[in-house]
Amino acid sequence: MLIFERFAGQMVDLTLPSGEVIVIQILARNNHGGSMRIGIDAPRNVLVDRREITLRKAREVAIT
């Protein structure tokens, strides 16, 4: 299981083997602070990345 800590407005991308992307966006925060913890248990063939990592990977592919 991959565990993320995200803030309101931030996103997590799940990229399926077909290339389709499922976006999870944090809409609110908890009362204990500004971030929330999310646990995602996905098959190995489903990529799970923070949005900024997905965007960085896309830029790297575009450069090469």
Protein backbone atom coordinates (compact mmCIF):
# COMPACT_ATOMS: atom_id res chain seq x y z
CA MET A 1 0.00 0.00 0.00
CA LEU A 2 1.25 3.44 -0.93
CA ILE A 3 0.43 6.20 1.56
CA PHE A 4 0.31 9.85 0.48
CA GLU A 5 -0.06 13.03 2.48
CA ARG A 6 -1.93 15.63 0.45
CA PHE A 7 -3.41 19.07 1.08
CA ALA A 8 -6.81 20.41 0.00
CA GLY A 9 -6.79 21.03 -3.75
CA GLN A 10 -3.96 18.59 -4.46
CA MET A 11 -4.46 15.49 -6.60
CA VAL A 12 -3.39 11.87 -7.00
CA ASP A 13 -3.44 10.19 -10.44
CA LEU A 14 -4.16 6.50 -11.04
CA THR A 15 -2.99 5.53 -14.54
CA LEU A 16 -4.56 2.33 -15.84
CA PRO A 17 -2.73 -0.01 -18.23
CA SER A 18 -4.95 1.32 -21.05
CA GLY A 19 -3.55 4.83 -20.46
CA GLU A 20 -6.75 6.16 -18.92
CA VAL A 21 -6.20 8.33 -15.85
CA ILE A 22 -8.39 8.40 -12.75
CA VAL A 23 -7.90 11.61 -10.75
CA ILE A 24 -8.50 11.79 -7.00
CA GLN A 25 -8.68 15.35 -5.66
CA ILE A 26 -8.57 16.27 -1.97
CA LEU A 27 -11.56 18.50 -1.30
CA ALA A 28 -11.22 19.22 2.41
CA ARG A 29 -8.74 18.87 5.23
CA ASN A 30 -9.05 17.26 8.63
CA ASN A 31 -9.23 19.14 11.90
CA HIS A 32 -5.73 18.09 12.98
CA GLY A 33 -3.82 20.05 10.35
CA GLY A 34 -3.65 21.06 6.73
CA SER A 35 -3.08 17.68 5.12
CA MET A 36 -4.83 14.34 4.83
CA ARG A 37 -3.36 10.86 4.58
CA ILE A 38 -4.60 8.61 1.79
CA GLY A 39 -3.86 4.92 1.41
CA ILE A 40 -4.20 3.42 -2.07
CA ASP A 41 -3.92 -0.30 -2.66
CA ALA A 42 -3.80 -0.95 -6.41
CA PRO A 43 -2.57 -3.73 -8.70
CA ARG A 44 1.05 -3.38 -9.86
CA ASN A 45 -0.08 -2.57 -13.41
CA VAL A 46 -1.89 0.58 -12.18
CA LEU A 47 0.46 3.55 -11.76
CA VAL A 48 -0.29 5.67 -8.68
CA ASP A 49 1.45 9.06 -8.61
CA ARG A 50 1.06 12.44 -7.01
CA ARG A 51 -0.16 14.88 -9.70
CA GLU A 52 3.17 16.74 -9.77
CA ILE A 53 4.98 13.47 -10.56
CA THR A 54 2.56 12.68 -13.42
CA LEU A 55 3.16 16.16 -14.87
CA ARG A 56 6.95 15.81 -14.50
CA LYS A 57 6.91 12.44 -16.28
CA ALA A 58 4.85 13.97 -19.11
CA ARG A 59 7.36 16.83 -19.48
CA GLU A 60 10.29 14.40 -19.54
CA VAL A 61 8.61 12.35 -22.31
CA ALA A 62 7.90 15.53 -24.30
CA ILE A 63 11.55 16.61 -24.08
CA THR A 64 12.97 13.33 -25.39
